[in-house]
Amino acid sequence: MVSVMTRAIAILSGTAALPLTTVGRFLAALWRELTRDAVRPYRPELHYMRGPGPAWRAKHGLPPR
């Protein structure tokens, strides 16, 4: 009877570690997401658009600049 109980505890303790690793992975991903902007700040000059280009001007019949 004791060996059955010991085996049941061993099985349960092995499966109990699975949610802990899942929680750990979730917390690690959350931490990476929260700290991402501190490492890579937003730089608007990289996303600045200067206006329509030559292809747009040709398509809409405007003279090139």
Protein backbone atom coordinates (compact mmCIF):
# COMPACT_ATOMS: atom_id res chain seq x y z
CA MET A 1 0.00 0.00 0.00
CA VAL A 2 2.86 2.38 0.75
CA SER A 3 4.49 1.77 -2.64
CA VAL A 4 1.27 2.75 -4.44
CA MET A 5 1.11 5.98 -2.44
CA THR A 6 4.79 6.70 -3.08
CA ARG A 7 4.34 6.13 -6.80
CA ALA A 8 1.27 8.40 -6.87
CA ILE A 9 3.19 11.17 -5.11
CA ALA A 10 6.10 10.80 -7.54
CA ILE A 11 3.75 11.06 -10.53
CA LEU A 12 1.96 14.08 -9.09
CA SER A 13 5.17 15.87 -8.21
CA GLY A 14 6.48 15.36 -11.75
CA THR A 15 3.34 16.86 -13.28
CA ALA A 16 3.32 19.70 -10.77
CA ALA A 17 6.63 20.95 -12.15
CA LEU A 18 5.13 21.41 -15.63
CA PRO A 19 2.90 24.40 -14.76
CA LEU A 20 5.83 26.01 -12.94
CA THR A 21 7.95 25.91 -16.09
CA THR A 22 5.02 27.29 -18.09
CA VAL A 23 4.59 30.11 -15.60
CA GLY A 24 8.33 30.76 -15.70
CA ARG A 25 8.30 30.97 -19.49
CA PHE A 26 5.32 33.30 -19.38
CA LEU A 27 7.01 35.57 -16.85
CA ALA A 28 10.22 35.61 -18.91
CA ALA A 29 8.30 36.56 -22.07
CA LEU A 30 6.42 39.24 -20.16
CA TRP A 31 9.67 40.69 -18.79
CA ARG A 32 11.22 40.75 -22.28
CA GLU A 33 8.16 42.55 -23.66
CA LEU A 34 8.17 45.13 -20.87
CA THR A 35 11.89 45.88 -21.12
CA ARG A 36 12.08 45.84 -24.94
CA ASP A 37 11.41 49.57 -25.31
CA ALA A 38 14.11 50.47 -22.80
CA VAL A 39 16.68 48.77 -25.00
CA ARG A 40 15.22 49.83 -28.35
CA PRO A 41 13.53 53.22 -27.92
CA TYR A 42 11.17 54.57 -30.56
CA ARG A 43 12.94 56.86 -33.01
CA PRO A 44 10.41 58.80 -35.09
CA GLU A 45 13.02 59.99 -37.58
CA LEU A 46 13.31 56.40 -38.79
CA HIS A 47 9.59 56.36 -39.65
CA TYR A 48 9.29 59.86 -41.07
CA MET A 49 7.76 59.99 -44.53
CA ARG A 50 8.66 62.96 -46.71
CA GLY A 51 5.64 62.86 -48.99
CA PRO A 52 4.68 61.30 -52.30
CA GLY A 53 7.45 59.88 -54.41
CA PRO A 54 8.02 59.94 -58.17
CA ALA A 55 5.87 56.86 -58.84
CA TRP A 56 2.87 58.42 -57.09
CA ARG A 57 3.38 61.69 -58.99
CA ALA A 58 3.55 59.85 -62.33
CA LYS A 59 0.43 57.85 -61.54
CA HIS A 60 -1.58 60.96 -60.62
CA GLY A 61 -0.32 63.08 -63.50
CA LEU A 62 1.72 65.56 -61.47
CA PRO A 63 5.03 66.91 -62.77
CA PRO A 64 8.16 65.44 -61.18
CA ARG A 65 10.01 67.61 -58.70
